[in-house]
C-alpha atoms as a PDB file:
ATOM      1  CA  MET A   1      -2.766 -33.433 -14.034  1.00  0.00           C
ATOM      2  CA  LEU A   2      -0.524 -30.348 -13.973  1.00  0.00           C
ATOM      3  CA  ASP A   3       1.592 -31.711 -16.915  1.00  0.00           C
ATOM      4  CA  PHE A   4      -1.418 -32.306 -18.957  1.00  0.00           C
ATOM      5  CA  THR A   5      -2.785 -28.808 -18.349  1.00  0.00           C
ATOM      6  CA  TRP A   6       0.634 -27.303 -19.148  1.00  0.00           C
ATOM      7  CA  LYS A   7       0.719 -29.348 -22.426  1.00  0.00           C
ATOM      8  CA  VAL A   8      -2.691 -28.115 -23.458  1.00  0.00           C
ATOM      9  CA  PHE A   9      -1.727 -24.507 -22.646  1.00  0.00           C
ATOM     10  CA  SER A  10       1.617 -24.698 -24.475  1.00  0.00           C
ATOM     11  CA  GLN A  11      -0.088 -26.129 -27.589  1.00  0.00           C
ATOM     12  CA  THR A  12      -3.123 -23.808 -27.641  1.00  0.00           C
ATOM     13  CA  GLY A  13      -2.024 -20.577 -25.915  1.00  0.00           C
ATOM     14  CA  ASN A  14      -5.483 -20.556 -24.298  1.00  0.00           C
ATOM     15  CA  ILE A  15      -5.425 -18.190 -21.401  1.00  0.00           C
ATOM     16  CA  GLU A  16      -8.263 -20.032 -19.597  1.00  0.00           C
ATOM     17  CA  THR A  17      -6.115 -23.099 -19.581  1.00  0.00           C
ATOM     18  CA  TYR A  18      -3.236 -21.186 -18.149  1.00  0.00           C
ATOM     19  CA  LEU A  19      -5.495 -19.715 -15.419  1.00  0.00           C
ATOM     20  CA  LEU A  20      -6.746 -23.224 -14.698  1.00  0.00           C
ATOM     21  CA  LEU A  21      -3.143 -24.369 -14.378  1.00  0.00           C
ATOM     22  CA  LYS A  22      -2.418 -21.594 -11.821  1.00  0.00           C
ATOM     23  CA  GLU A  23      -5.545 -22.513  -9.904  1.00  0.00           C
ATOM     24  CA  LEU A  24      -4.588 -26.229  -9.801  1.00  0.00           C
ATOM     25  CA  GLU A  25      -1.105 -25.391  -8.644  1.00  0.00           C
ATOM     26  CA  THR A  26      -2.471 -23.391  -5.758  1.00  0.00           C
ATOM     27  CA  ASN A  27      -5.391 -25.566  -4.864  1.00  0.00           C
ATOM     28  CA  ASP A  28      -4.116 -29.029  -5.728  1.00  0.00           C
ATOM     29  CA  ASP A  29      -6.890 -31.100  -4.196  1.00  0.00           C
ATOM     30  CA  GLU A  30      -9.502 -33.700  -5.288  1.00  0.00           C
ATOM     31  CA  GLN A  31     -12.439 -31.294  -5.282  1.00  0.00           C
ATOM     32  CA  ASN A  32     -10.768 -28.954  -7.772  1.00  0.00           C
ATOM     33  CA  VAL A  33      -9.815 -31.974 -10.003  1.00  0.00           C
ATOM     34  CA  LYS A  34     -13.373 -33.105 -10.039  1.00  0.00           C
ATOM     35  CA  GLU A  35     -14.684 -29.652 -10.983  1.00  0.00           C
ATOM     36  CA  HIS A  36     -12.451 -29.347 -13.955  1.00  0.00           C
ATOM     37  CA  LYS A  37     -12.618 -33.066 -15.292  1.00  0.00           C
ATOM     38  CA  GLU A  38     -15.111 -32.093 -17.975  1.00  0.00           C
ATOM     39  CA  TYR A  39     -12.908 -29.307 -19.126  1.00  0.00           C
ATOM     40  CA  PHE A  40      -9.925 -31.517 -19.483  1.00  0.00           C
ATOM     41  CA  ALA A  41     -11.921 -33.984 -21.480  1.00  0.00           C
ATOM     42  CA  GLU A  42     -13.015 -31.265 -23.819  1.00  0.00           C
ATOM     43  CA  MET A  43      -9.502 -29.960 -24.333  1.00  0.00           C
ATOM     44  CA  ASP A  44      -8.091 -33.359 -24.807  1.00  0.00           C
ATOM     45  CA  SER A  45     -10.514 -34.135 -27.689  1.00  0.00           C
ATOM     46  CA  GLN A  46      -9.369 -30.928 -29.469  1.00  0.00           C
ATOM     47  CA  LEU A  47      -5.677 -31.976 -29.556  1.00  0.00           C
END
């Protein structure tokens, strides 16, 4: 999950994605992943 988030950030430069990456790094748990699943799907479709 962290690798994907980094890939999205490095390709888009989106600061929200970077902040999400940092949040995932500090709160690497299942609840956090569920909350952001929709965001990941949206970013993946844009690549």
